All heavy atoms as atom14 arrays in JSON, in Angstrom:
{
  "sequence": "WMAVLFFSTNTTRLDYPQNETIGWIIIGVVAYTLGYIFQRILKIRF",
  "atom14_mask": [
    [1, 1, 1, 1, 1, 1, 1, 1, 1, 1, 1, 1, 1, 1],
    [1, 1, 1, 1, 1, 1, 1, 1, 0, 0, 0, 0, 0, 0],
    [1, 1, 1, 1, 1, 0, 0, 0, 0, 0, 0, 0, 0, 0],
    [1, 1, 1, 1, 1, 1, 1, 0, 0, 0, 0, 0, 0, 0],
    [1, 1, 1, 1, 1, 1, 1, 1, 0, 0, 0, 0, 0, 0],
    [1, 1, 1, 1, 1, 1, 1, 1, 1, 1, 1, 0, 0, 0],
    [1, 1, 1, 1, 1, 1, 1, 1, 1, 1, 1, 0, 0, 0],
    [1, 1, 1, 1, 1, 1, 0, 0, 0, 0, 0, 0, 0, 0],
    [1, 1, 1, 1, 1, 1, 1, 0, 0, 0, 0, 0, 0, 0],
    [1, 1, 1, 1, 1, 1, 1, 1, 0, 0, 0, 0, 0, 0],
    [1, 1, 1, 1, 1, 1, 1, 0, 0, 0, 0, 0, 0, 0],
    [1, 1, 1, 1, 1, 1, 1, 0, 0, 0, 0, 0, 0, 0],
    [1, 1, 1, 1, 1, 1, 1, 1, 1, 1, 1, 0, 0, 0],
    [1, 1, 1, 1, 1, 1, 1, 1, 0, 0, 0, 0, 0, 0],
    [1, 1, 1, 1, 1, 1, 1, 1, 0, 0, 0, 0, 0, 0],
    [1, 1, 1, 1, 1, 1, 1, 1, 1, 1, 1, 1, 0, 0],
    [1, 1, 1, 1, 1, 1, 1, 0, 0, 0, 0, 0, 0, 0],
    [1, 1, 1, 1, 1, 1, 1, 1, 1, 0, 0, 0, 0, 0],
    [1, 1, 1, 1, 1, 1, 1, 1, 0, 0, 0, 0, 0, 0],
    [1, 1, 1, 1, 1, 1, 1, 1, 1, 0, 0, 0, 0, 0],
    [1, 1, 1, 1, 1, 1, 1, 0, 0, 0, 0, 0, 0, 0],
    [1, 1, 1, 1, 1, 1, 1, 1, 0, 0, 0, 0, 0, 0],
    [1, 1, 1, 1, 0, 0, 0, 0, 0, 0, 0, 0, 0, 0],
    [1, 1, 1, 1, 1, 1, 1, 1, 1, 1, 1, 1, 1, 1],
    [1, 1, 1, 1, 1, 1, 1, 1, 0, 0, 0, 0, 0, 0],
    [1, 1, 1, 1, 1, 1, 1, 1, 0, 0, 0, 0, 0, 0],
    [1, 1, 1, 1, 1, 1, 1, 1, 0, 0, 0, 0, 0, 0],
    [1, 1, 1, 1, 0, 0, 0, 0, 0, 0, 0, 0, 0, 0],
    [1, 1, 1, 1, 1, 1, 1, 0, 0, 0, 0, 0, 0, 0],
    [1, 1, 1, 1, 1, 1, 1, 0, 0, 0, 0, 0, 0, 0],
    [1, 1, 1, 1, 1, 0, 0, 0, 0, 0, 0, 0, 0, 0],
    [1, 1, 1, 1, 1, 1, 1, 1, 1, 1, 1, 1, 0, 0],
    [1, 1, 1, 1, 1, 1, 1, 0, 0, 0, 0, 0, 0, 0],
    [1, 1, 1, 1, 1, 1, 1, 1, 0, 0, 0, 0, 0, 0],
    [1, 1, 1, 1, 0, 0, 0, 0, 0, 0, 0, 0, 0, 0],
    [1, 1, 1, 1, 1, 1, 1, 1, 1, 1, 1, 1, 0, 0],
    [1, 1, 1, 1, 1, 1, 1, 1, 0, 0, 0, 0, 0, 0],
    [1, 1, 1, 1, 1, 1, 1, 1, 1, 1, 1, 0, 0, 0],
    [1, 1, 1, 1, 1, 1, 1, 1, 1, 0, 0, 0, 0, 0],
    [1, 1, 1, 1, 1, 1, 1, 1, 1, 1, 1, 0, 0, 0],
    [1, 1, 1, 1, 1, 1, 1, 1, 0, 0, 0, 0, 0, 0],
    [1, 1, 1, 1, 1, 1, 1, 1, 0, 0, 0, 0, 0, 0],
    [1, 1, 1, 1, 1, 1, 1, 1, 1, 0, 0, 0, 0, 0],
    [1, 1, 1, 1, 1, 1, 1, 1, 0, 0, 0, 0, 0, 0],
    [1, 1, 1, 1, 1, 1, 1, 1, 1, 1, 1, 0, 0, 0],
    [1, 1, 1, 1, 1, 1, 1, 1, 1, 1, 1, 0, 0, 0]
  ],
  "atom14_positions": [
    [[0.6, 7.57, -2.89], [1.19, 6.84, -3.83], [0.4, 6.59, -5.13], [1.04, 6.4, -6.17], [1.62, 5.52, -3.31], [2.91, 5.74, -2.35], [2.95, 5.87, -1.05], [4.14, 5.98, -2.83], [4.14, 6.16, -0.62], [5.04, 6.24, -1.6], [4.8, 5.92, -4.11], [6.4, 6.48, -1.81], [6.1, 6.2, -4.14], [6.98, 6.35, -3.07]],
    [[-0.96, 6.82, -5.03], [-1.62, 6.75, -6.24], [-1.37, 8.05, -7.14], [-1.1, 7.97, -8.32], [-3.18, 6.85, -5.91], [-4.11, 6.95, -7.09], [-5.86, 6.93, -6.69], [-5.87, 8.64, -6.03], [0.0, 0.0, 0.0], [0.0, 0.0, 0.0], [0.0, 0.0, 0.0], [0.0, 0.0, 0.0], [0.0, 0.0, 0.0], [0.0, 0.0, 0.0]],
    [[-1.22, 9.25, -6.4], [-0.74, 10.42, -7.15], [0.74, 10.31, -7.72], [0.88, 10.67, -8.82], [-0.82, 11.6, -6.12], [0.0, 0.0, 0.0], [0.0, 0.0, 0.0], [0.0, 0.0, 0.0], [0.0, 0.0, 0.0], [0.0, 0.0, 0.0], [0.0, 0.0, 0.0], [0.0, 0.0, 0.0], [0.0, 0.0, 0.0], [0.0, 0.0, 0.0]],
    [[1.57, 9.71, -6.97], [2.93, 9.54, -7.5], [2.86, 8.64, -8.64], [3.66, 8.9, -9.71], [3.9, 8.96, -6.36], [5.23, 8.61, -6.9], [4.13, 9.95, -5.16], [0.0, 0.0, 0.0], [0.0, 0.0, 0.0], [0.0, 0.0, 0.0], [0.0, 0.0, 0.0], [0.0, 0.0, 0.0], [0.0, 0.0, 0.0], [0.0, 0.0, 0.0]],
    [[2.25, 7.49, -8.6], [2.27, 6.67, -9.79], [1.71, 7.35, -11.01], [2.16, 7.15, -12.11], [1.42, 5.31, -9.39], [2.11, 4.44, -8.52], [1.17, 3.28, -7.99], [3.34, 3.81, -9.03], [0.0, 0.0, 0.0], [0.0, 0.0, 0.0], [0.0, 0.0, 0.0], [0.0, 0.0, 0.0], [0.0, 0.0, 0.0], [0.0, 0.0, 0.0]],
    [[0.57, 8.01, -10.8], [-0.07, 8.66, -12.0], [0.84, 9.79, -12.53], [1.04, 9.7, -13.83], [-1.47, 9.33, -11.45], [-2.22, 10.21, -12.5], [-2.77, 9.5, -13.53], [-1.93, 11.45, -12.45], [-3.44, 10.24, -14.49], [-2.65, 12.22, -13.63], [-3.35, 11.51, -14.58], [0.0, 0.0, 0.0], [0.0, 0.0, 0.0], [0.0, 0.0, 0.0]],
    [[1.44, 10.75, -11.73], [2.2, 11.77, -12.4], [3.5, 11.32, -12.87], [3.86, 11.81, -13.9], [2.37, 12.82, -11.18], [1.07, 13.67, -10.96], [0.58, 13.77, -9.72], [0.55, 14.43, -11.91], [-0.6, 14.4, -9.37], [-0.57, 15.09, -11.67], [-1.15, 15.18, -10.4], [0.0, 0.0, 0.0], [0.0, 0.0, 0.0], [0.0, 0.0, 0.0]],
    [[4.12, 10.42, -12.19], [5.36, 9.91, -12.73], [5.42, 9.21, -14.04], [6.33, 9.08, -14.65], [6.18, 9.08, -11.56], [5.39, 7.94, -11.4], [0.0, 0.0, 0.0], [0.0, 0.0, 0.0], [0.0, 0.0, 0.0], [0.0, 0.0, 0.0], [0.0, 0.0, 0.0], [0.0, 0.0, 0.0], [0.0, 0.0, 0.0], [0.0, 0.0, 0.0]],
    [[4.19, 8.6, -14.35], [4.08, 7.9, -15.66], [3.26, 8.63, -16.6], [2.97, 8.15, -17.75], [3.51, 6.58, -15.4], [2.19, 6.71, -14.58], [4.43, 5.64, -14.57], [0.0, 0.0, 0.0], [0.0, 0.0, 0.0], [0.0, 0.0, 0.0], [0.0, 0.0, 0.0], [0.0, 0.0, 0.0], [0.0, 0.0, 0.0], [0.0, 0.0, 0.0]],
    [[2.97, 9.88, -16.33], [2.16, 10.65, -17.32], [2.83, 12.13, -17.45], [2.35, 13.25, -17.26], [0.74, 10.89, -16.91], [-0.13, 9.65, -17.04], [-0.5, 9.35, -18.15], [-0.23, 8.85, -15.96], [0.0, 0.0, 0.0], [0.0, 0.0, 0.0], [0.0, 0.0, 0.0], [0.0, 0.0, 0.0], [0.0, 0.0, 0.0], [0.0, 0.0, 0.0]],
    [[4.05, 12.14, -17.76], [4.85, 13.37, -17.83], [5.78, 13.27, -18.96], [6.36, 12.1, -19.24], [5.59, 13.67, -16.56], [6.41, 14.83, -16.75], [6.54, 12.44, -16.07], [0.0, 0.0, 0.0], [0.0, 0.0, 0.0], [0.0, 0.0, 0.0], [0.0, 0.0, 0.0], [0.0, 0.0, 0.0], [0.0, 0.0, 0.0], [0.0, 0.0, 0.0]],
    [[6.15, 14.36, -19.67], [7.13, 14.43, -20.68], [8.31, 15.09, -20.26], [9.46, 15.13, -20.88], [6.6, 15.13, -21.83], [6.18, 16.49, -21.48], [5.35, 14.45, -22.43], [0.0, 0.0, 0.0], [0.0, 0.0, 0.0], [0.0, 0.0, 0.0], [0.0, 0.0, 0.0], [0.0, 0.0, 0.0], [0.0, 0.0, 0.0], [0.0, 0.0, 0.0]],
    [[8.4, 15.5, -18.98], [9.56, 16.24, -18.55], [10.6, 15.37, -17.79], [11.64, 15.63, -17.53], [9.09, 17.2, -17.42], [7.97, 18.33, -18.05], [7.65, 19.32, -17.0], [8.79, 20.26, -16.64], [8.66, 21.19, -15.89], [7.48, 21.56, -15.29], [9.77, 21.99, -15.64], [0.0, 0.0, 0.0], [0.0, 0.0, 0.0], [0.0, 0.0, 0.0]],
    [[10.21, 14.1, -17.44], [11.16, 13.05, -16.76], [11.26, 11.87, -17.7], [10.32, 11.57, -18.53], [10.63, 12.65, -15.42], [10.35, 13.9, -14.45], [9.82, 13.19, -13.09], [11.71, 14.6, -14.13], [0.0, 0.0, 0.0], [0.0, 0.0, 0.0], [0.0, 0.0, 0.0], [0.0, 0.0, 0.0], [0.0, 0.0, 0.0], [0.0, 0.0, 0.0]],
    [[12.29, 11.08, -17.4], [12.49, 9.82, -18.02], [11.39, 8.84, -17.39], [11.21, 8.98, -16.23], [13.82, 9.27, -17.75], [14.91, 10.15, -18.52], [14.52, 10.63, -19.46], [16.06, 10.08, -18.06], [0.0, 0.0, 0.0], [0.0, 0.0, 0.0], [0.0, 0.0, 0.0], [0.0, 0.0, 0.0], [0.0, 0.0, 0.0], [0.0, 0.0, 0.0]],
    [[10.85, 7.94, -18.15], [9.87, 7.04, -17.67], [10.56, 5.97, -16.77], [11.56, 5.29, -17.06], [9.26, 6.34, -18.72], [7.89, 5.58, -18.42], [6.61, 6.27, -18.5], [8.01, 4.33, -18.05], [5.5, 5.45, -18.21], [6.82, 3.49, -17.68], [5.56, 4.18, -17.71], [4.43, 3.43, -17.43], [0.0, 0.0, 0.0], [0.0, 0.0, 0.0]],
    [[10.04, 5.83, -15.49], [10.49, 4.75, -14.66], [10.5, 3.35, -15.21], [9.56, 3.02, -15.93], [9.74, 4.88, -13.36], [8.93, 6.23, -13.45], [8.87, 6.41, -14.98], [0.0, 0.0, 0.0], [0.0, 0.0, 0.0], [0.0, 0.0, 0.0], [0.0, 0.0, 0.0], [0.0, 0.0, 0.0], [0.0, 0.0, 0.0], [0.0, 0.0, 0.0]],
    [[11.47, 2.52, -14.92], [11.39, 1.15, -15.36], [10.26, 0.42, -14.77], [9.87, 0.68, -13.57], [12.71, 0.45, -15.04], [14.03, 1.04, -15.75], [15.18, 0.41, -15.37], [15.25, -0.63, -14.72], [16.29, 0.76, -15.96], [0.0, 0.0, 0.0], [0.0, 0.0, 0.0], [0.0, 0.0, 0.0], [0.0, 0.0, 0.0], [0.0, 0.0, 0.0]],
    [[9.8, -0.55, -15.45], [8.62, -1.41, -14.93], [9.0, -2.11, -13.5], [8.21, -2.28, -12.73], [8.16, -2.44, -15.98], [7.38, -1.82, -17.02], [6.69, -0.88, -16.86], [7.41, -2.57, -18.15], [0.0, 0.0, 0.0], [0.0, 0.0, 0.0], [0.0, 0.0, 0.0], [0.0, 0.0, 0.0], [0.0, 0.0, 0.0], [0.0, 0.0, 0.0]],
    [[10.24, -2.41, -13.51], [10.72, -3.07, -12.12], [10.61, -2.07, -11.02], [10.17, -2.6, -9.93], [12.23, -3.51, -12.29], [12.76, -4.2, -11.09], [14.15, -4.61, -11.28], [14.79, -4.27, -12.25], [14.73, -5.27, -10.25], [0.0, 0.0, 0.0], [0.0, 0.0, 0.0], [0.0, 0.0, 0.0], [0.0, 0.0, 0.0], [0.0, 0.0, 0.0]],
    [[10.94, -0.86, -11.33], [10.76, 0.25, -10.26], [9.29, 0.28, -9.77], [9.04, 0.35, -8.59], [11.48, 1.52, -10.77], [12.63, 1.43, -11.02], [11.21, 2.65, -9.66], [0.0, 0.0, 0.0], [0.0, 0.0, 0.0], [0.0, 0.0, 0.0], [0.0, 0.0, 0.0], [0.0, 0.0, 0.0], [0.0, 0.0, 0.0], [0.0, 0.0, 0.0]],
    [[8.45, 0.56, -10.92], [7.01, 0.71, -10.57], [6.53, -0.61, -9.94], [5.73, -0.51, -8.89], [6.29, 0.84, -11.87], [6.65, 2.15, -12.53], [4.79, 0.89, -11.65], [6.4, 3.35, -11.82], [0.0, 0.0, 0.0], [0.0, 0.0, 0.0], [0.0, 0.0, 0.0], [0.0, 0.0, 0.0], [0.0, 0.0, 0.0], [0.0, 0.0, 0.0]],
    [[6.98, -1.74, -10.27], [6.61, -3.01, -9.63], [6.81, -3.07, -8.19], [6.01, -3.46, -7.36], [0.0, 0.0, 0.0], [0.0, 0.0, 0.0], [0.0, 0.0, 0.0], [0.0, 0.0, 0.0], [0.0, 0.0, 0.0], [0.0, 0.0, 0.0], [0.0, 0.0, 0.0], [0.0, 0.0, 0.0], [0.0, 0.0, 0.0], [0.0, 0.0, 0.0]],
    [[8.12, -2.61, -7.85], [8.47, -2.82, -6.34], [7.76, -1.63, -5.58], [7.49, -1.91, -4.41], [10.01, -2.74, -6.22], [10.62, -4.02, -6.55], [11.36, -4.41, -7.65], [10.51, -5.14, -5.62], [11.54, -5.82, -7.44], [11.18, -6.12, -6.19], [9.91, -5.31, -4.32], [11.24, -7.5, -5.62], [10.02, -6.58, -3.8], [10.63, -7.6, -4.29]],
    [[7.48, -0.58, -6.13], [6.74, 0.54, -5.38], [5.29, -0.11, -5.09], [4.86, 0.05, -3.97], [6.54, 1.76, -6.29], [7.99, 2.53, -6.34], [5.48, 2.74, -5.78], [7.95, 3.71, -7.13], [0.0, 0.0, 0.0], [0.0, 0.0, 0.0], [0.0, 0.0, 0.0], [0.0, 0.0, 0.0], [0.0, 0.0, 0.0], [0.0, 0.0, 0.0]],
    [[4.8, -0.83, -6.07], [3.38, -1.36, -5.91], [3.45, -2.44, -4.92], [2.57, -2.62, -4.01], [2.78, -1.93, -7.22], [2.54, -0.71, -8.2], [1.48, -2.61, -6.96], [2.19, -1.12, -9.61], [0.0, 0.0, 0.0], [0.0, 0.0, 0.0], [0.0, 0.0, 0.0], [0.0, 0.0, 0.0], [0.0, 0.0, 0.0], [0.0, 0.0, 0.0]],
    [[4.44, -3.21, -4.85], [4.69, -4.28, -3.88], [4.79, -3.7, -2.51], [4.1, -4.23, -1.55], [5.93, -5.22, -4.24], [5.52, -6.06, -5.35], [6.27, -6.06, -3.02], [6.81, -6.75, -5.9], [0.0, 0.0, 0.0], [0.0, 0.0, 0.0], [0.0, 0.0, 0.0], [0.0, 0.0, 0.0], [0.0, 0.0, 0.0], [0.0, 0.0, 0.0]],
    [[5.65, -2.52, -2.37], [5.68, -1.78, -1.06], [4.39, -1.36, -0.57], [4.04, -1.4, 0.66], [0.0, 0.0, 0.0], [0.0, 0.0, 0.0], [0.0, 0.0, 0.0], [0.0, 0.0, 0.0], [0.0, 0.0, 0.0], [0.0, 0.0, 0.0], [0.0, 0.0, 0.0], [0.0, 0.0, 0.0], [0.0, 0.0, 0.0], [0.0, 0.0, 0.0]],
    [[3.5, -0.77, -1.46], [2.16, -0.33, -1.2], [1.36, -1.43, -0.65], [0.63, -1.3, 0.43], [1.57, 0.37, -2.26], [0.16, 0.75, -1.95], [2.33, 1.73, -2.68], [0.0, 0.0, 0.0], [0.0, 0.0, 0.0], [0.0, 0.0, 0.0], [0.0, 0.0, 0.0], [0.0, 0.0, 0.0], [0.0, 0.0, 0.0], [0.0, 0.0, 0.0]],
    [[1.38, -2.61, -1.41], [0.61, -3.78, -1.01], [1.0, -4.32, 0.38], [0.2, -4.55, 1.22], [0.59, -4.73, -2.12], [0.06, -6.14, -1.56], [0.04, -4.45, -3.38], [0.0, 0.0, 0.0], [0.0, 0.0, 0.0], [0.0, 0.0, 0.0], [0.0, 0.0, 0.0], [0.0, 0.0, 0.0], [0.0, 0.0, 0.0], [0.0, 0.0, 0.0]],
    [[2.42, -4.35, 0.59], [2.8, -4.85, 1.85], [2.43, -3.86, 3.1], [2.1, -4.34, 4.1], [4.39, -4.9, 1.74], [0.0, 0.0, 0.0], [0.0, 0.0, 0.0], [0.0, 0.0, 0.0], [0.0, 0.0, 0.0], [0.0, 0.0, 0.0], [0.0, 0.0, 0.0], [0.0, 0.0, 0.0], [0.0, 0.0, 0.0], [0.0, 0.0, 0.0]],
    [[2.44, -2.53, 2.85], [2.08, -1.57, 3.84], [0.46, -1.83, 4.09], [0.1, -1.86, 5.32], [2.18, -0.25, 3.29], [1.88, 0.91, 4.25], [2.62, 1.39, 5.24], [0.37, 1.3, 4.32], [2.23, 2.39, 6.11], [-0.07, 2.25, 5.12], [0.94, 2.87, 6.05], [0.5, 3.81, 6.92], [0.0, 0.0, 0.0], [0.0, 0.0, 0.0]],
    [[-0.26, -2.09, 3.11], [-1.75, -2.34, 3.29], [-1.95, -3.57, 4.09], [-2.76, -3.58, 5.01], [-2.36, -2.49, 1.87], [-2.17, -1.2, 1.21], [-3.9, -2.76, 2.05], [0.0, 0.0, 0.0], [0.0, 0.0, 0.0], [0.0, 0.0, 0.0], [0.0, 0.0, 0.0], [0.0, 0.0, 0.0], [0.0, 0.0, 0.0], [0.0, 0.0, 0.0]],
    [[-1.25, -4.69, 3.8], [-1.32, -5.91, 4.55], [-0.94, -5.76, 5.96], [-1.55, -6.42, 6.93], [-0.5, -7.03, 3.86], [-1.02, -7.39, 2.48], [-0.1, -8.51, 1.8], [-2.42, -8.04, 2.54], [0.0, 0.0, 0.0], [0.0, 0.0, 0.0], [0.0, 0.0, 0.0], [0.0, 0.0, 0.0], [0.0, 0.0, 0.0], [0.0, 0.0, 0.0]],
    [[0.1, -5.02, 6.27], [0.6, -4.78, 7.58], [-0.53, -3.98, 8.32], [-0.79, -4.34, 9.58], [0.0, 0.0, 0.0], [0.0, 0.0, 0.0], [0.0, 0.0, 0.0], [0.0, 0.0, 0.0], [0.0, 0.0, 0.0], [0.0, 0.0, 0.0], [0.0, 0.0, 0.0], [0.0, 0.0, 0.0], [0.0, 0.0, 0.0], [0.0, 0.0, 0.0]],
    [[-1.12, -3.05, 7.82], [-2.02, -2.27, 8.38], [-3.34, -2.97, 8.78], [-3.76, -3.13, 9.87], [-2.51, -1.03, 7.41], [-3.45, -0.01, 8.13], [-2.9, 1.19, 8.71], [-4.75, -0.21, 8.12], [-3.69, 2.0, 9.2], [-5.61, 0.68, 8.75], [-5.15, 1.82, 9.24], [-5.96, 2.74, 9.77], [0.0, 0.0, 0.0], [0.0, 0.0, 0.0]],
    [[-3.78, -3.94, 7.84], [-4.79, -4.68, 7.93], [-4.62, -5.76, 8.97], [-5.42, -6.12, 9.93], [-5.23, -5.44, 6.67], [-5.83, -4.29, 5.67], [-6.36, -6.45, 6.91], [-6.06, -4.92, 4.23], [0.0, 0.0, 0.0], [0.0, 0.0, 0.0], [0.0, 0.0, 0.0], [0.0, 0.0, 0.0], [0.0, 0.0, 0.0], [0.0, 0.0, 0.0]],
    [[-3.39, -6.38, 8.94], [-3.0, -7.33, 10.0], [-3.17, -6.83, 11.43], [-3.66, -7.52, 12.39], [-1.52, -7.73, 9.69], [-0.81, -8.7, 10.7], [-1.24, -10.11, 10.65], [-0.04, -8.28, 11.66], [-0.6, -10.93, 11.44], [0.54, -9.27, 12.56], [0.17, -10.47, 12.47], [0.0, 0.0, 0.0], [0.0, 0.0, 0.0], [0.0, 0.0, 0.0]],
    [[-2.6, -5.52, 11.65], [-2.77, -4.97, 12.93], [-4.22, -4.68, 13.3], [-4.57, -4.92, 14.51], [-1.88, -3.64, 13.04], [-1.64, -3.22, 14.44], [-2.85, -2.45, 15.06], [-3.73, -1.93, 14.28], [-2.93, -2.54, 16.37], [0.0, 0.0, 0.0], [0.0, 0.0, 0.0], [0.0, 0.0, 0.0], [0.0, 0.0, 0.0], [0.0, 0.0, 0.0]],
    [[-4.95, -4.14, 12.34], [-6.32, -3.78, 12.72], [-7.23, -5.13, 12.92], [-8.13, -5.0, 13.77], [-6.88, -2.98, 11.58], [-6.19, -1.61, 11.42], [-6.31, -0.62, 12.62], [-7.64, 0.02, 12.6], [-8.39, 0.15, 13.54], [-8.1, -0.34, 14.76], [-9.49, 0.85, 13.47], [0.0, 0.0, 0.0], [0.0, 0.0, 0.0], [0.0, 0.0, 0.0]],
    [[-6.93, -6.13, 12.32], [-7.75, -7.42, 12.49], [-7.39, -8.09, 13.78], [-8.25, -8.34, 14.51], [-7.61, -8.29, 11.18], [-8.31, -7.66, 10.04], [-8.22, -9.63, 11.64], [-8.2, -8.51, 8.73], [0.0, 0.0, 0.0], [0.0, 0.0, 0.0], [0.0, 0.0, 0.0], [0.0, 0.0, 0.0], [0.0, 0.0, 0.0], [0.0, 0.0, 0.0]],
    [[-6.14, -8.27, 13.93], [-5.65, -9.0, 15.11], [-5.56, -8.08, 16.34], [-5.44, -8.56, 17.43], [-4.28, -9.71, 14.82], [-4.18, -10.76, 13.61], [-2.81, -11.23, 13.67], [-5.13, -11.88, 14.01], [0.0, 0.0, 0.0], [0.0, 0.0, 0.0], [0.0, 0.0, 0.0], [0.0, 0.0, 0.0], [0.0, 0.0, 0.0], [0.0, 0.0, 0.0]],
    [[-5.5, -6.82, 15.97], [-5.58, -5.82, 17.27], [-4.42, -6.05, 18.21], [-4.57, -6.27, 19.37], [-6.84, -5.79, 17.92], [-7.97, -5.24, 17.16], [-9.25, -5.2, 17.8], [-10.34, -4.43, 17.17], [-10.63, -4.98, 15.86], [0.0, 0.0, 0.0], [0.0, 0.0, 0.0], [0.0, 0.0, 0.0], [0.0, 0.0, 0.0], [0.0, 0.0, 0.0]],
    [[-3.11, -6.29, 17.6], [-1.98, -6.47, 18.36], [-1.53, -5.05, 18.95], [-1.51, -4.04, 18.1], [-0.8, -6.98, 17.49], [-1.23, -8.32, 16.94], [0.51, -7.07, 18.31], [-0.28, -9.02, 15.91], [0.0, 0.0, 0.0], [0.0, 0.0, 0.0], [0.0, 0.0, 0.0], [0.0, 0.0, 0.0], [0.0, 0.0, 0.0], [0.0, 0.0, 0.0]],
    [[-1.35, -5.08, 20.21], [-1.07, -3.8, 20.82], [0.51, -3.67, 21.2], [1.07, -4.46, 21.89], [-1.88, -3.53, 22.18], [-3.28, -3.76, 21.88], [-3.86, -2.7, 21.14], [-5.24, -2.94, 20.59], [-5.73, -2.87, 19.41], [-4.77, -2.5, 18.41], [-6.85, -3.12, 18.97], [0.0, 0.0, 0.0], [0.0, 0.0, 0.0], [0.0, 0.0, 0.0]],
    [[1.17, -2.49, 20.71], [2.38, -2.3, 21.14], [2.46, -1.05, 22.07], [2.66, 0.09, 21.69], [3.25, -1.87, 19.81], [3.21, -3.0, 18.8], [2.39, -2.88, 17.68], [4.04, -4.05, 18.91], [2.34, -3.68, 16.71], [4.11, -4.92, 17.82], [3.16, -4.84, 16.81], [0.0, 0.0, 0.0], [0.0, 0.0, 0.0], [0.0, 0.0, 0.0]]
  ]
}
């Protein structure tokens, strides 16, 4: 997602994504990170 954010906002071939779109992608990445850390710290087993 670092690569996606970089390339999608540094191109002249595509329309620039709205800030809201970028914001929710970042929120999704942060949420994924928190979920990963949550499981690794608490070591909840499924």
